[in-house]
PDB file of all heavy atoms in Angstrom:
ATOM      1  N   LEU A   1     142.967 160.539  50.484  1.00  0.00           N
ATOM      2  CA  LEU A   1     143.782 159.511  49.904  1.00  0.00           C
ATOM      3  C   LEU A   1     143.820 158.246  50.740  1.00  0.00           C
ATOM      4  O   LEU A   1     143.845 157.126  50.205  1.00  0.00           O
ATOM      5  CB  LEU A   1     145.207 160.006  49.588  1.00  0.00           C
ATOM      6  CG  LEU A   1     145.313 160.985  48.429  1.00  0.00           C
ATOM      7  CD1 LEU A   1     146.687 161.625  48.323  1.00  0.00           C
ATOM      8  CD2 LEU A   1     144.931 160.282  47.114  1.00  0.00           C
ATOM      9  N   ASP A   2     143.720 158.459  52.075  1.00  0.00           N
ATOM     10  CA  ASP A   2     143.627 157.211  52.918  1.00  0.00           C
ATOM     11  C   ASP A   2     142.328 156.480  52.634  1.00  0.00           C
ATOM     12  O   ASP A   2     142.324 155.290  52.786  1.00  0.00           O
ATOM     13  CB  ASP A   2     143.661 157.662  54.415  1.00  0.00           C
ATOM     14  CG  ASP A   2     145.041 158.154  54.816  1.00  0.00           C
ATOM     15  OD1 ASP A   2     146.036 157.807  54.204  1.00  0.00           O
ATOM     16  OD2 ASP A   2     145.181 158.882  55.904  1.00  0.00           O
ATOM     17  N   LEU A   3     141.266 157.249  52.350  1.00  0.00           N
ATOM     18  CA  LEU A   3     140.021 156.599  52.054  1.00  0.00           C
ATOM     19  C   LEU A   3     139.888 155.978  50.634  1.00  0.00           C
ATOM     20  O   LEU A   3     139.218 155.025  50.421  1.00  0.00           O
ATOM     21  CB  LEU A   3     138.885 157.648  52.296  1.00  0.00           C
ATOM     22  CG  LEU A   3     138.730 158.133  53.762  1.00  0.00           C
ATOM     23  CD1 LEU A   3     137.833 159.409  53.760  1.00  0.00           C
ATOM     24  CD2 LEU A   3     138.051 157.015  54.626  1.00  0.00           C
ATOM     25  N   LYS A   4     140.556 156.736  49.687  1.00  0.00           N
ATOM     26  CA  LYS A   4     140.554 156.272  48.257  1.00  0.00           C
ATOM     27  C   LYS A   4     141.828 156.682  47.597  1.00  0.00           C
ATOM     28  O   LYS A   4     141.964 157.888  47.300  1.00  0.00           O
ATOM     29  CB  LYS A   4     139.336 156.837  47.561  1.00  0.00           C
ATOM     30  CG  LYS A   4     139.172 156.253  46.129  1.00  0.00           C
ATOM     31  CD  LYS A   4     137.919 156.792  45.464  1.00  0.00           C
ATOM     32  CE  LYS A   4     137.836 156.244  44.005  1.00  0.00           C
ATOM     33  NZ  LYS A   4     136.615 156.731  43.318  1.00  0.00           N
ATOM     34  N   LYS A   5     142.682 155.744  47.298  1.00  0.00           N
ATOM     35  CA  LYS A   5     143.979 156.120  46.696  1.00  0.00           C
ATOM     36  C   LYS A   5     143.833 156.475  45.276  1.00  0.00           C
ATOM     37  O   LYS A   5     144.636 157.259  44.761  1.00  0.00           O
ATOM     38  CB  LYS A   5     144.936 154.827  46.881  1.00  0.00           C
ATOM     39  CG  LYS A   5     145.229 154.553  48.358  1.00  0.00           C
ATOM     40  CD  LYS A   5     146.409 153.644  48.462  1.00  0.00           C
ATOM     41  CE  LYS A   5     146.642 153.279  49.962  1.00  0.00           C
ATOM     42  NZ  LYS A   5     146.973 154.461  50.753  1.00  0.00           N
ATOM     43  N   THR A   6     142.885 155.904  44.523  1.00  0.00           N
ATOM     44  CA  THR A   6     142.660 156.195  43.041  1.00  0.00           C
ATOM     45  C   THR A   6     141.792 157.454  42.999  1.00  0.00           C
ATOM     46  O   THR A   6     140.630 157.435  42.504  1.00  0.00           O
ATOM     47  CB  THR A   6     141.987 155.040  42.381  1.00  0.00           C
ATOM     48  OG1 THR A   6     140.767 154.722  43.027  1.00  0.00           O
ATOM     49  CG2 THR A   6     142.872 153.795  42.407  1.00  0.00           C
ATOM     50  N   ASN A   7     142.350 158.569  43.412  1.00  0.00           N
ATOM     51  CA  ASN A   7     141.596 159.731  43.700  1.00  0.00           C
ATOM     52  C   ASN A   7     142.253 160.956  42.995  1.00  0.00           C
ATOM     53  O   ASN A   7     143.143 161.553  43.528  1.00  0.00           O
ATOM     54  CB  ASN A   7     141.525 159.924  45.232  1.00  0.00           C
ATOM     55  CG  ASN A   7     140.746 161.124  45.626  1.00  0.00           C
ATOM     56  OD1 ASN A   7     140.419 162.014  44.855  1.00  0.00           O
ATOM     57  ND2 ASN A   7     140.469 161.164  46.973  1.00  0.00           N
ATOM     58  N   PRO A   8     141.827 161.294  41.723  1.00  0.00           N
ATOM     59  CA  PRO A   8     142.537 162.368  40.935  1.00  0.00           C
ATOM     60  C   PRO A   8     142.596 163.699  41.645  1.00  0.00           C
ATOM     61  O   PRO A   8     143.588 164.405  41.498  1.00  0.00           O
ATOM     62  CB  PRO A   8     141.766 162.352  39.666  1.00  0.00           C
ATOM     63  CG  PRO A   8     140.433 161.741  39.948  1.00  0.00           C
ATOM     64  CD  PRO A   8     140.634 160.761  40.991  1.00  0.00           C
ATOM     65  N   ILE A   9     141.471 164.099  42.281  1.00  0.00           N
ATOM     66  CA  ILE A   9     141.400 165.461  42.869  1.00  0.00           C
ATOM     67  C   ILE A   9     142.447 165.638  43.944  1.00  0.00           C
ATOM     68  O   ILE A   9     143.252 166.543  44.016  1.00  0.00           O
ATOM     69  CB  ILE A   9     139.987 165.773  43.372  1.00  0.00           C
ATOM     70  CG1 ILE A   9     139.100 165.955  42.187  1.00  0.00           C
ATOM     71  CG2 ILE A   9     139.940 167.021  44.184  1.00  0.00           C
ATOM     72  CD1 ILE A   9     137.582 166.071  42.592  1.00  0.00           C
ATOM     73  N   ALA A  10     142.511 164.658  44.893  1.00  0.00           N
ATOM     74  CA  ALA A  10     143.418 164.711  46.000  1.00  0.00           C
ATOM     75  C   ALA A  10     144.849 164.721  45.527  1.00  0.00           C
ATOM     76  O   ALA A  10     145.757 165.417  46.019  1.00  0.00           O
ATOM     77  CB  ALA A  10     143.196 163.563  47.019  1.00  0.00           C
ATOM     78  N   HIS A  11     145.156 163.771  44.548  1.00  0.00           N
ATOM     79  CA  HIS A  11     146.551 163.711  43.983  1.00  0.00           C
ATOM     80  C   HIS A  11     146.859 165.055  43.312  1.00  0.00           C
ATOM     81  O   HIS A  11     147.981 165.472  43.386  1.00  0.00           O
ATOM     82  CB  HIS A  11     146.602 162.573  42.967  1.00  0.00           C
ATOM     83  CG  HIS A  11     146.827 161.198  43.634  1.00  0.00           C
ATOM     84  ND1 HIS A  11     148.007 161.013  44.434  1.00  0.00           N
ATOM     85  CD2 HIS A  11     146.071 160.121  43.643  1.00  0.00           C
ATOM     86  CE1 HIS A  11     147.866 159.700  44.911  1.00  0.00           C
ATOM     87  NE2 HIS A  11     146.776 159.160  44.432  1.00  0.00           N
ATOM     88  N   ASN A  12     145.967 165.680  42.625  1.00  0.00           N
ATOM     89  CA  ASN A  12     146.197 166.897  41.944  1.00  0.00           C
ATOM     90  C   ASN A  12     146.645 167.947  42.925  1.00  0.00           C
ATOM     91  O   ASN A  12     147.585 168.714  42.738  1.00  0.00           O
ATOM     92  CB  ASN A  12     144.957 167.375  41.136  1.00  0.00           C
ATOM     93  CG  ASN A  12     145.145 168.815  40.606  1.00  0.00           C
ATOM     94  OD1 ASN A  12     146.063 169.135  39.884  1.00  0.00           O
ATOM     95  ND2 ASN A  12     144.242 169.699  41.099  1.00  0.00           N
ATOM     96  N   TYR A  13     145.845 168.062  44.007  1.00  0.00           N
ATOM     97  CA  TYR A  13     146.078 169.182  44.954  1.00  0.00           C
ATOM     98  C   TYR A  13     147.302 168.928  45.803  1.00  0.00           C
ATOM     99  O   TYR A  13     148.016 169.851  46.208  1.00  0.00           O
ATOM    100  CB  TYR A  13     144.832 169.495  45.791  1.00  0.00           C
ATOM    101  CG  TYR A  13     143.947 170.332  45.031  1.00  0.00           C
ATOM    102  CD1 TYR A  13     142.829 169.827  44.327  1.00  0.00           C
ATOM    103  CD2 TYR A  13     144.009 171.673  45.106  1.00  0.00           C
ATOM    104  CE1 TYR A  13     141.950 170.593  43.617  1.00  0.00           C
ATOM    105  CE2 TYR A  13     143.220 172.533  44.375  1.00  0.00           C
ATOM    106  CZ  TYR A  13     142.154 171.992  43.623  1.00  0.00           C
ATOM    107  OH  TYR A  13     141.327 172.809  42.950  1.00  0.00           O
ATOM    108  N   MET A  14     147.615 167.644  46.066  1.00  0.00           N
ATOM    109  CA  MET A  14     148.837 167.310  46.759  1.00  0.00           C
ATOM    110  C   MET A  14     150.044 167.566  45.828  1.00  0.00           C
ATOM    111  O   MET A  14     151.105 168.023  46.293  1.00  0.00           O
ATOM    112  CB  MET A  14     148.894 165.828  47.130  1.00  0.00           C
ATOM    113  CG  MET A  14     147.933 165.466  48.347  1.00  0.00           C
ATOM    114  SD  MET A  14     148.268 166.457  49.842  1.00  0.00           S
ATOM    115  CE  MET A  14     149.819 165.661  50.328  1.00  0.00           C
ATOM    116  N   SER A  15     149.875 167.461  44.551  1.00  0.00           N
ATOM    117  CA  SER A  15     150.912 167.777  43.575  1.00  0.00           C
ATOM    118  C   SER A  15     151.135 169.326  43.611  1.00  0.00           C
ATOM    119  O   SER A  15     152.257 169.751  43.644  1.00  0.00           O
ATOM    120  CB  SER A  15     150.452 167.472  42.157  1.00  0.00           C
ATOM    121  OG  SER A  15     151.279 167.997  41.213  1.00  0.00           O
ATOM    122  N   MET A  16     150.074 170.086  43.652  1.00  0.00           N
ATOM    123  CA  MET A  16     150.167 171.579  43.667  1.00  0.00           C
ATOM    124  C   MET A  16     150.900 172.031  44.981  1.00  0.00           C
ATOM    125  O   MET A  16     151.781 172.820  44.960  1.00  0.00           O
ATOM    126  CB  MET A  16     148.792 172.183  43.610  1.00  0.00           C
ATOM    127  CG  MET A  16     148.769 173.683  43.535  1.00  0.00           C
ATOM    128  SD  MET A  16     147.021 174.331  43.640  1.00  0.00           S
ATOM    129  CE  MET A  16     146.300 173.501  42.214  1.00  0.00           C
ATOM    130  N   ILE A  17     150.430 171.501  46.095  1.00  0.00           N
ATOM    131  CA  ILE A  17     151.034 171.774  47.377  1.00  0.00           C
ATOM    132  C   ILE A  17     152.453 171.448  47.419  1.00  0.00           C
ATOM    133  O   ILE A  17     153.313 172.232  47.925  1.00  0.00           O
ATOM    134  CB  ILE A  17     150.197 171.124  48.542  1.00  0.00           C
ATOM    135  CG1 ILE A  17     148.784 171.728  48.648  1.00  0.00           C
ATOM    136  CG2 ILE A  17     150.980 171.332  49.858  1.00  0.00           C
ATOM    137  CD1 ILE A  17     147.869 170.937  49.496  1.00  0.00           C
ATOM    138  N   SER A  18     152.809 170.250  47.029  1.00  0.00           N
ATOM    139  CA  SER A  18     154.238 169.800  46.938  1.00  0.00           C
ATOM    140  C   SER A  18     155.147 170.693  46.160  1.00  0.00           C
ATOM    141  O   SER A  18     156.184 171.105  46.579  1.00  0.00           O
ATOM    142  CB  SER A  18     154.374 168.326  46.469  1.00  0.00           C
ATOM    143  OG  SER A  18     153.596 167.481  47.261  1.00  0.00           O
ATOM    144  N   ILE A  19     154.600 170.979  44.963  1.00  0.00           N
ATOM    145  CA  ILE A  19     155.409 171.946  44.053  1.00  0.00           C
ATOM    146  C   ILE A  19     155.587 173.342  44.686  1.00  0.00           C
ATOM    147  O   ILE A  19     156.677 173.928  44.602  1.00  0.00           O
ATOM    148  CB  ILE A  19     154.790 171.982  42.600  1.00  0.00           C
ATOM    149  CG1 ILE A  19     154.975 170.644  41.955  1.00  0.00           C
ATOM    150  CG2 ILE A  19     155.336 173.075  41.827  1.00  0.00           C
ATOM    151  CD1 ILE A  19     154.199 170.511  40.672  1.00  0.00           C
ATOM    152  N   GLN A  20     154.549 173.849  45.287  1.00  0.00           N
ATOM    153  CA  GLN A  20     154.592 175.176  45.965  1.00  0.00           C
ATOM    154  C   GLN A  20     155.692 175.135  47.060  1.00  0.00           C
ATOM    155  O   GLN A  20     156.272 176.141  47.385  1.00  0.00           O
ATOM    156  CB  GLN A  20     153.281 175.552  46.503  1.00  0.00           C
ATOM    157  CG  GLN A  20     152.255 175.936  45.397  1.00  0.00           C
ATOM    158  CD  GLN A  20     150.886 176.143  45.897  1.00  0.00           C
ATOM    159  OE1 GLN A  20     150.556 175.827  47.100  1.00  0.00           O
ATOM    160  NE2 GLN A  20     149.955 176.742  45.157  1.00  0.00           N
ATOM    161  N   ASN A  21     155.845 173.960  47.686  1.00  0.00           N
ATOM    162  CA  ASN A  21     156.832 173.833  48.716  1.00  0.00           C
ATOM    163  C   ASN A  21     158.209 173.427  48.262  1.00  0.00           C
ATOM    164  O   ASN A  21     159.118 173.131  49.095  1.00  0.00           O
ATOM    165  CB  ASN A  21     156.274 172.794  49.797  1.00  0.00           C
ATOM    166  CG  ASN A  21     155.103 173.250  50.542  1.00  0.00           C
ATOM    167  OD1 ASN A  21     154.916 174.487  50.751  1.00  0.00           O
ATOM    168  ND2 ASN A  21     154.240 172.355  50.979  1.00  0.00           N
ATOM    169  N   GLY A  22     158.380 173.450  46.925  1.00  0.00           N
ATOM    170  CA  GLY A  22     159.599 173.065  46.384  1.00  0.00           C
ATOM    171  C   GLY A  22     159.976 171.600  46.313  1.00  0.00           C
ATOM    172  O   GLY A  22     161.088 171.205  45.974  1.00  0.00           O
ATOM    173  N   GLN A  23     158.942 170.764  46.573  1.00  0.00           N
ATOM    174  CA  GLN A  23     159.148 169.274  46.477  1.00  0.00           C
ATOM    175  C   GLN A  23     158.662 168.819  45.145  1.00  0.00           C
ATOM    176  O   GLN A  23     157.678 168.220  44.935  1.00  0.00           O
ATOM    177  CB  GLN A  23     158.342 168.609  47.651  1.00  0.00           C
ATOM    178  CG  GLN A  23     158.711 169.053  49.021  1.00  0.00           C
ATOM    179  CD  GLN A  23     157.779 168.506  50.096  1.00  0.00           C
ATOM    180  OE1 GLN A  23     156.606 168.779  50.033  1.00  0.00           O
ATOM    181  NE2 GLN A  23     158.290 167.726  51.023  1.00  0.00           N
ATOM    182  N   PHE A  24     159.549 169.098  44.169  1.00  0.00           N
ATOM    183  CA  PHE A  24     159.214 168.882  42.746  1.00  0.00           C
ATOM    184  C   PHE A  24     158.962 167.419  42.415  1.00  0.00           C
ATOM    185  O   PHE A  24     158.067 167.072  41.649  1.00  0.00           O
ATOM    186  CB  PHE A  24     160.221 169.539  41.833  1.00  0.00           C
ATOM    187  CG  PHE A  24     160.337 171.057  41.995  1.00  0.00           C
ATOM    188  CD1 PHE A  24     161.579 171.570  42.393  1.00  0.00           C
ATOM    189  CD2 PHE A  24     159.199 171.868  41.950  1.00  0.00           C
ATOM    190  CE1 PHE A  24     161.671 172.949  42.572  1.00  0.00           C
ATOM    191  CE2 PHE A  24     159.372 173.253  42.097  1.00  0.00           C
ATOM    192  CZ  PHE A  24     160.526 173.795  42.523  1.00  0.00           C
ATOM    193  N   LYS A  25     159.827 166.569  42.906  1.00  0.00           N
ATOM    194  CA  LYS A  25     159.750 165.140  42.630  1.00  0.00           C
ATOM    195  C   LYS A  25     158.390 164.541  43.132  1.00  0.00           C
ATOM    196  O   LYS A  25     157.778 163.871  42.443  1.00  0.00           O
ATOM    197  CB  LYS A  25     160.919 164.329  43.163  1.00  0.00           C
ATOM    198  CG  LYS A  25     160.970 162.911  42.781  1.00  0.00           C
ATOM    199  CD  LYS A  25     162.178 162.191  43.325  1.00  0.00           C
ATOM    200  CE  LYS A  25     162.181 160.707  43.004  1.00  0.00           C
ATOM    201  NZ  LYS A  25     163.361 160.007  43.519  1.00  0.00           N
ATOM    202  N   LYS A  26     158.098 164.897  44.346  1.00  0.00           N
ATOM    203  CA  LYS A  26     156.929 164.449  44.969  1.00  0.00           C
ATOM    204  C   LYS A  26     155.642 165.008  44.129  1.00  0.00           C
ATOM    205  O   LYS A  26     154.687 164.316  43.934  1.00  0.00           O
ATOM    206  CB  LYS A  26     156.830 164.928  46.416  1.00  0.00           C
ATOM    207  CG  LYS A  26     155.595 164.417  47.210  1.00  0.00           C
ATOM    208  CD  LYS A  26     155.609 164.849  48.632  1.00  0.00           C
ATOM    209  CE  LYS A  26     154.450 164.375  49.401  1.00  0.00           C
ATOM    210  NZ  LYS A  26     154.478 164.886  50.853  1.00  0.00           N
ATOM    211  N   GLY A  27     155.757 166.330  43.814  1.00  0.00           N
ATOM    212  CA  GLY A  27     154.671 166.966  43.075  1.00  0.00           C
ATOM    213  C   GLY A  27     154.449 166.264  41.717  1.00  0.00           C
ATOM    214  O   GLY A  27     153.358 166.080  41.286  1.00  0.00           O
ATOM    215  N   ILE A  28     155.550 165.951  40.970  1.00  0.00           N
ATOM    216  CA  ILE A  28     155.437 165.250  39.711  1.00  0.00           C
ATOM    217  C   ILE A  28     154.796 163.906  39.927  1.00  0.00           C
ATOM    218  O   ILE A  28     153.940 163.488  39.060  1.00  0.00           O
ATOM    219  CB  ILE A  28     156.865 165.163  39.152  1.00  0.00           C
ATOM    220  CG1 ILE A  28     157.406 166.496  38.624  1.00  0.00           C
ATOM    221  CG2 ILE A  28     156.893 164.145  37.974  1.00  0.00           C
ATOM    222  CD1 ILE A  28     158.835 166.514  38.241  1.00  0.00           C
ATOM    223  N   GLU A  29     155.106 163.209  40.882  1.00  0.00           N
ATOM    224  CA  GLU A  29     154.536 161.797  41.107  1.00  0.00           C
ATOM    225  C   GLU A  29     153.060 161.957  41.391  1.00  0.00           C
ATOM    226  O   GLU A  29     152.224 161.166  40.823  1.00  0.00           O
ATOM    227  CB  GLU A  29     155.268 161.130  42.342  1.00  0.00           C
ATOM    228  CG  GLU A  29     156.663 160.745  42.101  1.00  0.00           C
ATOM    229  CD  GLU A  29     157.339 160.168  43.336  1.00  0.00           C
ATOM    230  OE1 GLU A  29     156.708 160.239  44.380  1.00  0.00           O
ATOM    231  OE2 GLU A  29     158.510 159.809  43.235  1.00  0.00           O
ATOM    232  N   HIS A  30     152.599 162.871  42.215  1.00  0.00           N
ATOM    233  CA  HIS A  30     151.166 163.068  42.442  1.00  0.00           C
ATOM    234  C   HIS A  30     150.455 163.520  41.210  1.00  0.00           C
ATOM    235  O   HIS A  30     149.346 163.000  40.932  1.00  0.00           O
ATOM    236  CB  HIS A  30     150.986 164.103  43.567  1.00  0.00           C
ATOM    237  CG  HIS A  30     151.069 163.578  44.925  1.00  0.00           C
ATOM    238  ND1 HIS A  30     150.223 162.644  45.416  1.00  0.00           N
ATOM    239  CD2 HIS A  30     151.912 163.880  45.951  1.00  0.00           C
ATOM    240  CE1 HIS A  30     150.500 162.377  46.729  1.00  0.00           C
ATOM    241  NE2 HIS A  30     151.529 163.094  47.070  1.00  0.00           N
ATOM    242  N   ALA A  31     151.030 164.363  40.398  1.00  0.00           N
ATOM    243  CA  ALA A  31     150.376 164.848  39.116  1.00  0.00           C
ATOM    244  C   ALA A  31     150.216 163.620  38.201  1.00  0.00           C
ATOM    245  O   ALA A  31     149.107 163.494  37.582  1.00  0.00           O
ATOM    246  CB  ALA A  31     151.219 165.935  38.496  1.00  0.00           C
ATOM    247  N   LYS A  32     151.233 162.787  38.078  1.00  0.00           N
ATOM    248  CA  LYS A  32     151.096 161.667  37.139  1.00  0.00           C
ATOM    249  C   LYS A  32     150.094 160.680  37.626  1.00  0.00           C
ATOM    250  O   LYS A  32     149.292 160.150  36.761  1.00  0.00           O
ATOM    251  CB  LYS A  32     152.491 160.965  37.085  1.00  0.00           C
ATOM    252  CG  LYS A  32     153.489 161.692  36.248  1.00  0.00           C
ATOM    253  CD  LYS A  32     154.851 160.946  36.216  1.00  0.00           C
ATOM    254  CE  LYS A  32     155.815 161.662  35.316  1.00  0.00           C
ATOM    255  NZ  LYS A  32     157.186 160.983  35.248  1.00  0.00           N
ATOM    256  N   LYS A  33     149.957 160.493  38.902  1.00  0.00           N
ATOM    257  CA  LYS A  33     148.910 159.577  39.417  1.00  0.00           C
ATOM    258  C   LYS A  33     147.462 160.290  39.103  1.00  0.00           C
ATOM    259  O   LYS A  33     146.626 159.496  38.731  1.00  0.00           O
ATOM    260  CB  LYS A  33     149.056 159.387  40.878  1.00  0.00           C
ATOM    261  CG  LYS A  33     150.258 158.503  41.247  1.00  0.00           C
ATOM    262  CD  LYS A  33     150.391 158.277  42.800  1.00  0.00           C
ATOM    263  CE  LYS A  33     151.527 157.403  43.158  1.00  0.00           C
ATOM    264  NZ  LYS A  33     151.771 157.211  44.607  1.00  0.00           N
ATOM    265  N   SER A  34     147.380 161.522  39.353  1.00  0.00           N
ATOM    266  CA  SER A  34     146.094 162.211  39.085  1.00  0.00           C
ATOM    267  C   SER A  34     145.662 161.958  37.604  1.00  0.00           C
ATOM    268  O   SER A  34     144.502 161.627  37.368  1.00  0.00           O
ATOM    269  CB  SER A  34     146.209 163.686  39.408  1.00  0.00           C
ATOM    270  OG  SER A  34     144.948 164.312  39.124  1.00  0.00           O
TER     271      SER A  34
END
């Protein structure tokens, strides 16, 4: 994401990781961006 912010794959997996860690708001934001 540092290299390319408009990056659906990285946002998707950051969403997954965030939700798995209980960070639902952050996970929702990454999923929407993806």
